[in-house]
Amino acid sequence: MTKLLKSLKAHSDKAWSVSSHEKLPLLATASSDKTSKIYQLSLEHNFPLVGVLEETHKRSVRSVAFKPQLQSDENEFIDLPALASGSFDSTISIWGIDEPEDLLENEHSEDEDYDEETKNKREVDMLTSPKNEWNLMALIEGHENEIKAVAWNKSGKYLASCSRDKTVWIWETDPETLEEFECISVLSDHEHDIKHIVWHPQYNILASSSYDDTVRLYQQDADDEDWSLVSASDDGTVRVWGSEKPEESSHGNSGLPSSIKHESAEMNWELEQVLPAAHRYAIYSVSWSAKSGRIASAGADGLIVIYKQNESKWEIESSTPSAHGVYEINCVSWCNLSNGTEVLVSAGDDGNINIWEV
């Protein structure tokens, strides 16, 4: 059963995309009203607004993505949250906060009353506080047309962007400073607009989907792992794909000026299952939970469908009609609240961000 926990009236126009921070209870949104907003994912505090990113883009903000949090053994190093926003004006903006004044004091506190758990909670509270000011750190230009999606790899070293210009750009940066972004590769294999891109959560494998009805995958190095992928389409289906260990190709493209190898290995992908039919119209978004293993889908029919795997077969766990009233749903994403509870977040043409207990 799916229960609505909160409906955030976030935007005055369509809400296109959402992104949750990997470690912090933060949620970012993107909208046709040319803004991004950042909320604290706290049921206890009623999901307060903590930041408004505006007066930067000239057209719709289409996609947002939080940079993954870096890990360090040095106590002095604290990775502050940072966000990438891709716009129809063909630019990408990078946003971040200044280090809160009380943060360093919290890190070096030797008060016996402050155990490690208390320190971590105080740090999270400071990094997600509405008192923090979100500042524009960089504005990246390069694409010739509308940007449809942005995505960071696991290390935060690579930022990928895709566009209506039929290309995927890979940008390299220092994940600690985010001072400069250098384009190290332009991938132009799709024949039509590229709508979405996503990195593997652990490895440098990038998937892109296009209006040419194909999904393409790029990898940095060959791995011995087997992979799974979920896709959704205008044909109203959700499909799960599986791959085997990649085989070396005889036609490697060594001329690509990038550490992202293109066609250096062939991955054999097979359709494992077409999930049970539920949607009547185009599916715009699909999200696979790393925690529960469930798949969520949504699209033009305003329906949110939750699938679960029962042994080797997928089945429908729940179906929520009119999840955004009469409006289409553009994005669904699994997120974690500040208390660790997993929720599903949806963004719709009504400008609302809905948070669901599943």
Protein backbone atom coordinates (compact mmCIF):
# COMPACT_ATOMS: atom_id res chain seq x y z
CA MET A 1 0.00 0.00 0.00
CA THR A 2 1.21 3.50 -0.88
CA LYS A 3 0.34 6.37 1.48
CA LEU A 4 0.91 10.08 0.84
CA LEU A 5 3.03 11.55 3.64
CA LYS A 6 3.42 15.09 2.29
CA SER A 7 2.67 17.12 -0.81
CA LEU A 8 5.09 20.02 -1.24
CA LYS A 9 3.75 22.85 -3.38
CA ALA A 10 7.26 23.49 -4.61
CA HIS A 11 6.92 25.21 -7.97
CA SER A 12 4.66 27.48 -9.99
CA ASP A 13 5.21 25.39 -13.12
CA LYS A 14 6.06 21.77 -14.01
CA ALA A 15 8.38 19.87 -11.65
CA TRP A 16 10.70 17.82 -13.85
CA SER A 17 13.18 16.08 -11.62
CA VAL A 18 14.25 15.31 -8.05
CA SER A 19 17.52 14.16 -6.49
CA SER A 20 18.31 13.10 -2.93
CA HIS A 21 21.73 13.39 -1.31
CA GLU A 22 23.57 10.11 -0.80
CA LYS A 23 24.18 10.64 2.94
CA LEU A 24 22.33 13.77 4.05
CA PRO A 25 18.52 14.10 4.27
CA LEU A 26 18.36 16.65 1.44
CA LEU A 27 16.07 16.67 -1.60
CA ALA A 28 16.59 18.90 -4.65
CA THR A 29 13.95 19.70 -7.29
CA ALA A 30 13.97 21.08 -10.84
CA SER A 31 11.21 23.03 -12.56
CA SER A 32 10.02 24.93 -15.62
CA ASP A 33 9.81 28.01 -13.39
CA LYS A 34 13.63 28.25 -13.86
CA THR A 35 14.40 27.40 -10.23
CA SER A 36 15.64 24.52 -8.13
CA LYS A 37 14.62 24.12 -4.51
CA ILE A 38 16.19 22.15 -1.69
CA TYR A 39 14.18 20.58 1.13
CA GLN A 40 15.16 18.76 4.29
CA LEU A 41 13.86 15.19 4.18
CA SER A 42 12.61 15.29 7.75
CA LEU A 43 9.13 14.11 8.66
CA GLU A 44 9.74 15.38 12.19
CA HIS A 45 10.29 18.94 10.93
CA ASN A 46 7.60 18.72 8.21
CA PHE A 47 10.05 18.81 5.27
CA PRO A 48 11.25 22.44 5.55
CA LEU A 49 12.56 24.43 2.59
CA VAL A 50 16.29 25.07 3.09
CA GLY A 51 17.32 26.68 -0.20
CA VAL A 52 16.06 28.33 -3.39
CA LEU A 53 18.42 28.37 -6.39
CA GLU A 54 17.27 31.05 -8.82
CA GLU A 55 18.19 33.94 -11.12
CA THR A 56 20.76 31.84 -12.97
CA HIS A 57 19.02 29.92 -15.74
CA LYS A 58 17.07 31.61 -18.55
CA ARG A 59 14.89 28.58 -19.29
CA SER A 60 13.52 25.51 -17.48
CA VAL A 61 15.74 23.64 -15.05
CA ARG A 62 15.34 20.09 -16.34
CA SER A 63 17.54 17.97 -14.08
CA VAL A 64 19.28 18.09 -10.70
CA ALA A 65 21.88 15.78 -9.14
CA PHE A 66 23.66 15.89 -5.79
CA LYS A 67 27.37 15.08 -5.84
CA PRO A 68 28.10 11.88 -3.88
CA GLN A 69 29.70 12.51 -0.51
CA LEU A 70 33.46 11.96 -0.40
CA GLN A 71 35.04 9.86 2.32
CA SER A 72 38.24 10.83 4.12
CA ASP A 73 40.28 9.47 7.02
CA GLU A 74 41.28 13.00 7.94
CA ASN A 75 39.04 14.45 10.64
CA GLU A 76 39.63 17.95 9.27
CA PHE A 77 38.04 17.14 5.91
CA ILE A 78 34.30 17.66 5.65
CA ASP A 79 32.69 17.27 2.24
CA LEU A 80 30.03 19.94 1.93
CA PRO A 81 26.90 19.17 -0.14
CA ALA A 82 27.00 20.28 -3.80
CA LEU A 83 24.39 20.16 -6.55
CA ALA A 84 24.45 20.19 -10.37
CA SER A 85 21.47 21.64 -12.26
CA GLY A 86 21.00 21.14 -16.00
CA SER A 87 18.82 23.57 -17.95
CA PHE A 88 17.05 23.95 -21.27
CA ASP A 89 19.26 27.04 -21.76
CA SER A 90 22.08 24.50 -22.49
CA THR A 91 24.10 25.31 -19.35
CA ILE A 92 24.87 23.47 -16.10
CA SER A 93 25.08 25.32 -12.80
CA ILE A 94 27.01 24.01 -9.80
CA TRP A 95 25.83 25.05 -6.33
CA GLY A 96 27.24 24.61 -2.83
CA ILE A 97 27.22 26.01 0.69
CA ASP A 98 29.90 27.74 2.75
CA GLU A 99 31.18 25.80 5.73
CA PRO A 100 28.90 26.52 8.70
CA GLU A 101 30.70 28.44 11.44
CA ASP A 102 29.89 25.90 14.14
CA LEU A 103 30.96 22.90 12.05
CA LEU A 104 34.69 23.00 12.78
CA GLU A 105 33.99 23.54 16.45
CA ASN A 106 31.78 20.45 16.42
CA GLU A 107 34.49 18.33 14.77
CA HIS A 108 37.12 19.23 17.37
CA SER A 109 34.87 19.15 20.38
CA GLU A 110 36.33 17.08 23.20
CA ASP A 111 33.30 17.41 25.43
CA GLU A 112 32.69 13.98 26.93
CA ASP A 113 28.96 14.54 26.55
CA TYR A 114 29.43 14.51 22.77
CA ASP A 115 29.89 10.92 21.67
CA GLU A 116 30.49 10.08 18.01
CA GLU A 117 26.78 9.55 17.29
CA THR A 118 25.89 12.94 18.78
CA LYS A 119 28.64 14.65 16.80
CA ASN A 120 27.42 13.06 13.56
CA LYS A 121 23.85 14.16 14.25
CA ARG A 122 24.98 17.71 14.97
CA GLU A 123 27.00 17.73 11.75
CA VAL A 124 24.00 16.57 9.71
CA ASP A 125 21.82 19.23 11.34
CA MET A 126 24.35 21.92 10.45
CA LEU A 127 24.80 20.80 6.85
CA THR A 128 21.05 20.62 6.23
CA SER A 129 20.09 23.78 8.12
CA PRO A 130 17.89 26.47 6.50
CA LYS A 131 20.51 28.95 7.77
CA ASN A 132 22.98 27.80 5.10
CA GLU A 133 23.19 29.97 1.99
CA TRP A 134 23.46 28.12 -1.32
CA ASN A 135 25.89 29.86 -3.68
CA LEU A 136 26.60 29.52 -7.39
CA MET A 137 30.06 27.93 -7.74
CA ALA A 138 30.32 27.42 -11.50
CA LEU A 139 28.39 27.74 -14.75
CA ILE A 140 29.33 25.16 -17.39
CA GLU A 141 28.77 25.76 -21.11
CA GLY A 142 29.28 23.45 -24.06
CA HIS A 143 26.09 21.81 -25.28
CA GLU A 144 24.45 23.27 -28.37
CA ASN A 145 20.90 22.61 -27.22
CA GLU A 146 18.66 21.78 -24.26
CA ILE A 147 20.21 19.73 -21.46
CA LYS A 148 17.92 16.87 -20.44
CA ALA A 149 19.85 15.24 -17.57
CA VAL A 150 22.98 15.49 -15.41
CA ALA A 151 24.57 12.75 -13.28
CA TRP A 152 27.68 12.34 -11.09
CA ASN A 153 29.75 9.17 -10.91
CA LYS A 154 30.43 7.54 -7.53
CA SER A 155 33.68 9.43 -6.85
CA GLY A 156 32.33 12.84 -7.85
CA LYS A 157 35.22 13.20 -10.30
CA TYR A 158 33.05 12.88 -13.40
CA LEU A 159 29.85 14.75 -14.21
CA ALA A 160 27.88 13.53 -17.22
CA SER A 161 25.33 15.59 -19.13
CA CYS A 162 23.05 14.72 -22.04
CA SER A 163 21.19 16.93 -24.45
CA ARG A 164 18.80 17.44 -27.29
CA ASP A 165 21.95 17.87 -29.41
CA LYS A 166 22.26 14.03 -29.39
CA THR A 167 25.46 14.00 -27.32
CA VAL A 168 26.65 12.96 -23.87
CA TRP A 169 29.47 15.07 -22.42
CA ILE A 170 31.79 13.85 -19.66
CA TRP A 171 33.21 16.62 -17.48
CA GLU A 172 36.18 16.05 -15.14
CA THR A 173 36.67 18.05 -11.94
CA ASP A 174 38.38 18.02 -8.57
CA PRO A 175 35.57 16.62 -6.37
CA GLU A 176 36.90 18.47 -3.31
CA THR A 177 36.99 21.97 -4.78
CA LEU A 178 34.71 21.83 -7.88
CA GLU A 179 36.63 24.85 -9.17
CA GLU A 180 37.06 23.80 -12.80
CA PHE A 181 35.20 21.46 -15.15
CA GLU A 182 37.01 20.15 -18.23
CA CYS A 183 35.22 18.23 -20.98
CA ILE A 184 37.21 15.04 -21.54
CA SER A 185 34.81 13.22 -23.86
CA VAL A 186 31.85 13.82 -26.15
CA LEU A 187 29.84 10.67 -26.93
CA SER A 188 27.69 10.99 -30.04
CA ASP A 189 26.31 7.53 -30.77
CA HIS A 190 22.59 8.26 -30.49
CA GLU A 191 20.60 9.31 -33.55
CA HIS A 192 18.04 11.45 -31.68
CA ASP A 193 17.65 13.48 -28.48
CA ILE A 194 19.12 11.87 -25.38
CA LYS A 195 16.63 12.03 -22.54
CA HIS A 196 18.34 10.43 -19.56
CA ILE A 197 21.69 9.26 -18.22
CA VAL A 198 22.64 7.36 -15.07
CA TRP A 199 25.90 6.02 -13.59
CA HIS A 200 26.24 2.66 -11.89
CA PRO A 201 26.23 3.32 -8.11
CA GLN A 202 29.69 1.77 -7.62
CA TYR A 203 31.52 1.56 -10.96
CA ASN A 204 32.27 3.84 -13.90
CA ILE A 205 29.54 2.46 -16.11
CA LEU A 206 27.25 5.04 -17.72
CA ALA A 207 23.87 4.30 -19.33
CA SER A 208 22.09 6.69 -21.70
CA SER A 209 18.58 6.48 -23.16
CA SER A 210 17.34 8.24 -26.25
CA TYR A 211 14.33 8.99 -28.42
CA ASP A 212 15.99 6.69 -30.97
CA ASP A 213 14.56 3.84 -28.81
CA THR A 214 17.96 2.58 -27.66
CA VAL A 215 19.86 2.40 -24.38
CA ARG A 216 23.64 2.62 -24.70
CA LEU A 217 26.25 1.78 -22.07
CA TYR A 218 29.79 3.07 -21.67
CA GLN A 219 32.38 1.68 -19.30
CA GLN A 220 35.79 2.76 -18.12
CA ASP A 221 37.31 -0.68 -17.64
CA ALA A 222 36.15 -4.23 -18.18
CA ASP A 223 34.77 -5.95 -15.07
CA ASP A 224 34.07 -9.52 -14.05
CA GLU A 225 30.65 -8.62 -12.70
CA ASP A 226 27.17 -9.31 -14.00
CA TRP A 227 24.89 -6.27 -14.29
CA SER A 228 21.17 -5.56 -14.21
CA LEU A 229 19.34 -2.60 -15.73
CA VAL A 230 15.73 -1.40 -15.73
CA SER A 231 14.24 0.66 -18.58
CA ALA A 232 10.88 2.28 -19.30
CA SER A 233 9.39 3.50 -22.55
CA ASP A 234 6.63 5.29 -24.43
CA ASP A 235 5.34 1.82 -25.31
CA GLY A 236 4.04 1.55 -21.74
CA THR A 237 6.41 -1.23 -20.64
CA VAL A 238 9.00 -1.60 -17.89
CA ARG A 239 11.77 -4.05 -18.75
CA VAL A 240 14.56 -5.63 -16.71
CA TRP A 241 17.79 -6.51 -18.54
CA GLY A 242 20.73 -8.63 -17.49
CA SER A 243 24.32 -8.82 -18.75
CA GLU A 244 27.18 -11.24 -18.57
CA LYS A 245 30.91 -10.60 -18.18
CA PRO A 246 32.00 -8.27 -21.03
CA GLU A 247 34.01 -9.75 -23.87
CA GLU A 248 36.93 -7.90 -25.42
CA SER A 249 36.09 -6.32 -28.76
CA SER A 250 38.37 -6.42 -31.78
CA HIS A 251 37.45 -2.85 -32.78
CA GLY A 252 38.40 -0.72 -29.78
CA ASN A 253 38.15 3.04 -30.22
CA SER A 254 41.53 4.16 -28.90
CA GLY A 255 41.26 7.61 -30.49
CA LEU A 256 38.74 8.86 -27.94
CA PRO A 257 40.35 11.58 -25.80
CA SER A 258 38.98 10.22 -22.55
CA SER A 259 39.50 7.73 -19.77
CA ILE A 260 35.98 6.54 -20.56
CA LYS A 261 36.62 3.72 -23.02
CA HIS A 262 34.11 3.49 -25.85
CA GLU A 263 33.45 0.04 -27.30
CA SER A 264 36.57 -1.34 -25.65
CA ALA A 265 34.49 -4.33 -24.59
CA GLU A 266 31.19 -5.81 -25.66
CA MET A 267 28.57 -6.46 -23.00
CA ASN A 268 25.95 -9.02 -23.94
CA TRP A 269 22.57 -7.87 -22.65
CA GLU A 270 19.46 -10.03 -22.65
CA LEU A 271 15.89 -9.18 -21.76
CA GLU A 272 15.10 -10.99 -18.51
CA GLN A 273 11.48 -9.94 -18.10
CA VAL A 274 8.83 -7.50 -19.24
CA LEU A 275 7.16 -6.45 -16.01
CA PRO A 276 3.37 -6.91 -15.70
CA ALA A 277 1.44 -4.33 -17.71
CA ALA A 278 -0.04 -1.47 -15.69
CA HIS A 279 0.41 1.82 -17.53
CA ARG A 280 -1.95 2.97 -20.29
CA TYR A 281 0.31 5.70 -21.66
CA ALA A 282 4.00 6.59 -21.91
CA ILE A 283 6.23 5.87 -18.90
CA TYR A 284 8.54 8.79 -18.15
CA SER A 285 10.49 7.58 -15.14
CA VAL A 286 11.60 4.41 -13.41
CA SER A 287 13.59 3.96 -10.18
CA TRP A 288 15.15 0.81 -8.69
CA SER A 289 15.59 0.82 -4.90
CA ALA A 290 19.01 -0.21 -3.63
CA LYS A 291 17.50 -0.84 -0.19
CA SER A 292 14.33 -2.85 -0.82
CA GLY A 293 14.95 -4.03 -4.39
CA ARG A 294 11.58 -2.70 -5.54
CA ILE A 295 11.01 -0.86 -8.81
CA ALA A 296 8.77 2.20 -9.14
CA SER A 297 7.41 3.61 -12.42
CA ALA A 298 5.30 6.62 -13.38
CA GLY A 299 4.34 8.64 -16.42
CA ALA A 300 1.68 10.27 -18.56
CA ASP A 301 -1.25 8.39 -17.03
CA GLY A 302 -0.57 9.79 -13.54
CA LEU A 303 -0.16 6.28 -12.16
CA ILE A 304 2.57 5.20 -9.74
CA VAL A 305 3.27 1.47 -9.87
CA ILE A 306 5.44 -0.44 -7.40
CA TYR A 307 6.90 -3.79 -8.48
CA LYS A 308 8.52 -6.40 -6.25
CA GLN A 309 10.44 -9.51 -7.16
CA ASN A 310 8.97 -12.80 -6.00
CA GLU A 311 11.67 -15.41 -6.50
CA SER A 312 12.49 -15.11 -10.22
CA LYS A 313 9.40 -13.19 -11.30
CA TRP A 314 8.33 -9.59 -10.89
CA GLU A 315 4.80 -8.73 -9.77
CA ILE A 316 2.82 -5.59 -9.02
CA GLU A 317 2.87 -4.75 -5.31
CA SER A 318 0.73 -1.61 -5.49
CA SER A 319 -0.76 0.84 -7.97
CA THR A 320 -1.70 4.43 -7.12
CA PRO A 321 -3.89 6.22 -9.68
CA SER A 322 -4.11 10.02 -9.97
CA ALA A 323 -1.01 10.38 -7.79
CA HIS A 324 -0.80 14.03 -8.87
CA GLY A 325 -4.48 14.52 -9.62
CA VAL A 326 -5.09 15.00 -13.35
CA TYR A 327 -1.43 15.84 -14.00
CA GLU A 328 1.34 13.76 -15.55
CA ILE A 329 4.25 12.51 -13.42
CA ASN A 330 7.72 13.29 -14.72
CA CYS A 331 9.95 11.63 -12.15
CA VAL A 332 9.97 9.06 -9.33
CA SER A 333 12.94 8.41 -7.03
CA TRP A 334 13.59 6.32 -3.91
CA CYS A 335 14.96 8.44 -1.04
CA ASN A 336 15.74 8.11 2.68
CA LEU A 337 14.31 10.33 5.40
CA SER A 338 16.42 11.66 8.26
CA ASN A 339 15.22 8.73 10.42
CA GLY A 340 16.40 6.21 7.82
CA THR A 341 12.94 5.32 6.48
CA GLU A 342 12.81 4.75 2.74
CA VAL A 343 10.19 6.75 0.84
CA LEU A 344 9.26 7.32 -2.79
CA VAL A 345 9.30 10.89 -4.12
CA SER A 346 7.40 11.97 -7.25
CA ALA A 347 7.44 15.18 -9.29
CA GLY A 348 4.52 16.24 -11.46
CA ASP A 349 3.22 18.74 -13.98
CA ASP A 350 1.26 20.35 -11.12
CA GLY A 351 4.58 21.64 -9.72
CA ASN A 352 4.15 19.50 -6.62
CA ILE A 353 6.64 17.14 -5.01
CA ASN A 354 4.83 14.24 -3.35
CA ILE A 355 6.47 12.06 -0.70
CA TRP A 356 5.04 8.55 -0.34
CA GLU A 357 5.30 5.85 2.28
CA VAL A 358 5.44 2.51 0.52
